[in-house]
Amino acid sequence: MRPAGVVARTHAMAQAGGSATWDGVLPTVNLLSEWPTGQKTPTEYWLTSLPADTSLRRLVRMVSAYDLSSPIAYG
């Protein structure tokens, strides 16, 4: 998944050292979803750039900390 929008582009450009050195490719991120048993659709979604082999335990800890500290932050 590749997020789009001003915030994602601005962050990618800054990480690359500015617009002159940015190749225009946004970083790949993973979409996590909470889909409780019995529900027809997922109830929550998160984007993460953590490594694909990150343990489920760590992902849950990170999401829980994010939800408590900064519900609308990105980046």
N, C-alpha and C. Protein backbone atom coordinates (compact mmCIF):
# COMPACT_ATOMS: atom_id res chain seq x y z
N MET A 1 0.84 -1.16 0.00
CA MET A 1 0.00 0.00 0.00
C MET A 1 0.89 1.23 0.00
N ARG A 2 0.54 2.21 -0.76
CA ARG A 2 1.27 3.48 -0.79
C ARG A 2 0.30 4.62 -0.51
N PRO A 3 0.47 5.26 0.65
CA PRO A 3 -0.44 6.38 0.95
C PRO A 3 -0.17 7.56 0.04
N ALA A 4 -1.20 8.33 -0.22
CA ALA A 4 -1.05 9.52 -1.05
C ALA A 4 -1.50 10.73 -0.25
N GLY A 5 -1.14 11.89 -0.73
CA GLY A 5 -1.57 13.11 -0.07
C GLY A 5 -0.39 13.99 0.27
N VAL A 6 -0.70 15.20 0.67
CA VAL A 6 0.33 16.21 0.95
C VAL A 6 1.25 15.77 2.08
N VAL A 7 0.70 15.25 3.17
CA VAL A 7 1.52 14.87 4.33
C VAL A 7 2.51 13.77 3.94
N ALA A 8 2.04 12.75 3.26
CA ALA A 8 2.92 11.65 2.86
C ALA A 8 4.02 12.13 1.90
N ARG A 9 3.66 12.95 0.93
CA ARG A 9 4.67 13.47 -0.02
C ARG A 9 5.68 14.36 0.68
N THR A 10 5.21 15.24 1.55
CA THR A 10 6.11 16.15 2.27
C THR A 10 7.09 15.36 3.13
N HIS A 11 6.59 14.35 3.82
CA HIS A 11 7.45 13.52 4.66
C HIS A 11 8.49 12.77 3.81
N ALA A 12 8.05 12.19 2.70
CA ALA A 12 8.96 11.45 1.82
C ALA A 12 10.04 12.37 1.25
N MET A 13 9.66 13.58 0.86
CA MET A 13 10.64 14.54 0.33
C MET A 13 11.66 14.91 1.40
N ALA A 14 11.19 15.15 2.61
CA ALA A 14 12.10 15.52 3.71
C ALA A 14 13.07 14.38 4.01
N GLN A 15 12.58 13.14 4.01
CA GLN A 15 13.44 11.98 4.27
C GLN A 15 14.50 11.82 3.18
N ALA A 16 14.17 12.22 1.96
CA ALA A 16 15.10 12.08 0.84
C ALA A 16 16.09 13.24 0.76
N GLY A 17 15.90 14.27 1.56
CA GLY A 17 16.82 15.40 1.54
C GLY A 17 16.33 16.58 0.72
N GLY A 18 15.05 16.58 0.38
CA GLY A 18 14.48 17.71 -0.36
C GLY A 18 13.91 17.29 -1.69
N SER A 19 13.16 18.18 -2.31
CA SER A 19 12.48 17.84 -3.56
C SER A 19 13.44 17.57 -4.71
N ALA A 20 14.64 18.17 -4.67
CA ALA A 20 15.61 17.97 -5.76
C ALA A 20 16.17 16.55 -5.76
N THR A 21 16.22 15.90 -4.61
CA THR A 21 16.79 14.55 -4.52
C THR A 21 15.74 13.46 -4.38
N TRP A 22 14.47 13.84 -4.24
CA TRP A 22 13.41 12.85 -4.09
C TRP A 22 13.07 12.24 -5.44
N ASP A 23 12.96 10.92 -5.49
CA ASP A 23 12.67 10.22 -6.76
C ASP A 23 11.18 10.13 -7.08
N GLY A 24 10.33 10.68 -6.22
CA GLY A 24 8.89 10.68 -6.48
C GLY A 24 8.17 9.43 -6.02
N VAL A 25 8.91 8.47 -5.47
CA VAL A 25 8.30 7.22 -5.01
C VAL A 25 8.05 7.30 -3.51
N LEU A 26 6.80 7.07 -3.11
CA LEU A 26 6.47 7.06 -1.70
C LEU A 26 6.89 5.73 -1.09
N PRO A 27 7.27 5.72 0.18
CA PRO A 27 7.68 4.47 0.81
C PRO A 27 6.50 3.50 0.95
N THR A 28 6.79 2.22 0.89
CA THR A 28 5.76 1.20 1.07
C THR A 28 5.44 1.09 2.54
N VAL A 29 4.17 0.99 2.86
CA VAL A 29 3.73 0.79 4.24
C VAL A 29 2.73 -0.37 4.27
N ASN A 30 2.52 -0.91 5.45
CA ASN A 30 1.59 -2.01 5.62
C ASN A 30 0.31 -1.51 6.27
N LEU A 31 -0.80 -2.04 5.82
CA LEU A 31 -2.10 -1.72 6.38
C LEU A 31 -2.45 -2.79 7.40
N LEU A 32 -2.71 -2.36 8.63
CA LEU A 32 -3.17 -3.26 9.68
C LEU A 32 -4.65 -2.98 9.91
N SER A 33 -5.41 -4.02 10.16
CA SER A 33 -6.82 -3.80 10.46
C SER A 33 -7.24 -4.67 11.64
N GLU A 34 -8.17 -4.14 12.41
CA GLU A 34 -8.77 -4.89 13.51
C GLU A 34 -10.12 -5.37 13.00
N TRP A 35 -10.29 -6.67 12.92
CA TRP A 35 -11.52 -7.25 12.40
C TRP A 35 -12.02 -8.28 13.41
N PRO A 36 -12.80 -7.82 14.37
CA PRO A 36 -13.28 -8.73 15.42
C PRO A 36 -14.14 -9.86 14.86
N THR A 37 -14.05 -11.00 15.51
CA THR A 37 -14.85 -12.15 15.14
C THR A 37 -16.33 -11.77 15.18
N GLY A 38 -17.05 -12.12 14.14
CA GLY A 38 -18.48 -11.85 14.09
C GLY A 38 -18.84 -10.52 13.44
N GLN A 39 -17.87 -9.65 13.23
CA GLN A 39 -18.14 -8.37 12.58
C GLN A 39 -18.11 -8.55 11.06
N LYS A 40 -18.94 -7.79 10.35
CA LYS A 40 -18.97 -7.88 8.89
C LYS A 40 -17.83 -7.12 8.24
N THR A 41 -17.32 -6.10 8.93
CA THR A 41 -16.23 -5.30 8.39
C THR A 41 -15.22 -4.99 9.49
N PRO A 42 -14.01 -4.61 9.12
CA PRO A 42 -13.03 -4.19 10.12
C PRO A 42 -13.52 -2.97 10.90
N THR A 43 -13.06 -2.84 12.13
CA THR A 43 -13.50 -1.72 12.97
C THR A 43 -12.44 -0.63 13.08
N GLU A 44 -11.20 -0.95 12.84
CA GLU A 44 -10.10 0.03 12.92
C GLU A 44 -9.07 -0.27 11.84
N TYR A 45 -8.32 0.77 11.44
CA TYR A 45 -7.25 0.64 10.45
C TYR A 45 -6.04 1.45 10.89
N TRP A 46 -4.84 0.97 10.59
CA TRP A 46 -3.61 1.70 10.86
C TRP A 46 -2.62 1.45 9.73
N LEU A 47 -1.78 2.42 9.44
CA LEU A 47 -0.67 2.26 8.50
C LEU A 47 0.61 2.21 9.31
N THR A 48 1.53 1.33 8.91
CA THR A 48 2.80 1.22 9.60
C THR A 48 3.93 1.00 8.61
N SER A 49 5.09 1.56 8.95
CA SER A 49 6.29 1.32 8.15
C SER A 49 7.25 0.41 8.91
N LEU A 50 6.77 -0.22 9.99
CA LEU A 50 7.60 -1.18 10.72
C LEU A 50 7.93 -2.37 9.82
N PRO A 51 9.03 -3.06 10.06
CA PRO A 51 9.39 -4.22 9.24
C PRO A 51 8.29 -5.28 9.21
N ALA A 52 8.19 -5.99 8.09
CA ALA A 52 7.14 -7.00 7.92
C ALA A 52 7.24 -8.13 8.95
N ASP A 53 8.44 -8.37 9.50
CA ASP A 53 8.58 -9.45 10.48
C ASP A 53 8.37 -8.98 11.93
N THR A 54 7.81 -7.78 12.12
CA THR A 54 7.50 -7.29 13.47
C THR A 54 6.45 -8.20 14.10
N SER A 55 6.68 -8.58 15.34
CA SER A 55 5.75 -9.50 16.01
C SER A 55 4.39 -8.85 16.23
N LEU A 56 3.36 -9.69 16.26
CA LEU A 56 2.01 -9.22 16.52
C LEU A 56 1.94 -8.53 17.89
N ARG A 57 2.64 -9.05 18.86
CA ARG A 57 2.67 -8.45 20.20
C ARG A 57 3.18 -7.01 20.15
N ARG A 58 4.27 -6.79 19.39
CA ARG A 58 4.83 -5.43 19.28
C ARG A 58 3.88 -4.51 18.52
N LEU A 59 3.27 -5.02 17.46
CA LEU A 59 2.31 -4.20 16.70
C LEU A 59 1.15 -3.75 17.59
N VAL A 60 0.62 -4.66 18.40
CA VAL A 60 -0.48 -4.32 19.30
C VAL A 60 -0.04 -3.26 20.31
N ARG A 61 1.17 -3.42 20.84
CA ARG A 61 1.71 -2.42 21.79
C ARG A 61 1.84 -1.05 21.14
N MET A 62 2.36 -1.02 19.93
CA MET A 62 2.56 0.24 19.22
C MET A 62 1.22 0.91 18.92
N VAL A 63 0.24 0.14 18.43
CA VAL A 63 -1.07 0.69 18.12
C VAL A 63 -1.74 1.21 19.39
N SER A 64 -1.63 0.47 20.47
CA SER A 64 -2.23 0.90 21.74
C SER A 64 -1.61 2.20 22.21
N ALA A 65 -0.30 2.33 22.12
CA ALA A 65 0.38 3.55 22.53
C ALA A 65 -0.02 4.72 21.62
N TYR A 66 -0.14 4.46 20.34
CA TYR A 66 -0.55 5.49 19.38
C TYR A 66 -1.96 5.98 19.70
N ASP A 67 -2.87 5.06 19.93
CA ASP A 67 -4.26 5.42 20.22
C ASP A 67 -4.37 6.28 21.47
N LEU A 68 -3.53 6.03 22.46
CA LEU A 68 -3.59 6.78 23.71
C LEU A 68 -2.95 8.16 23.60
N SER A 69 -1.91 8.27 22.77
CA SER A 69 -1.14 9.51 22.78
C SER A 69 -1.45 10.49 21.65
N SER A 70 -1.81 10.00 20.48
CA SER A 70 -1.93 10.90 19.34
C SER A 70 -2.93 10.36 18.32
N PRO A 71 -4.22 10.49 18.58
CA PRO A 71 -5.21 9.87 17.71
C PRO A 71 -5.29 10.43 16.30
N ILE A 72 -4.74 11.63 16.01
CA ILE A 72 -4.86 12.16 14.65
C ILE A 72 -3.51 12.47 14.02
N ALA A 73 -2.42 12.09 14.65
CA ALA A 73 -1.09 12.38 14.08
C ALA A 73 -0.75 11.41 12.97
N TYR A 74 0.09 11.86 12.03
CA TYR A 74 0.59 11.00 10.97
C TYR A 74 2.03 11.39 10.71
N GLY A 75 2.83 10.37 10.34
CA GLY A 75 4.19 10.71 9.94
C GLY A 75 5.20 10.19 10.75
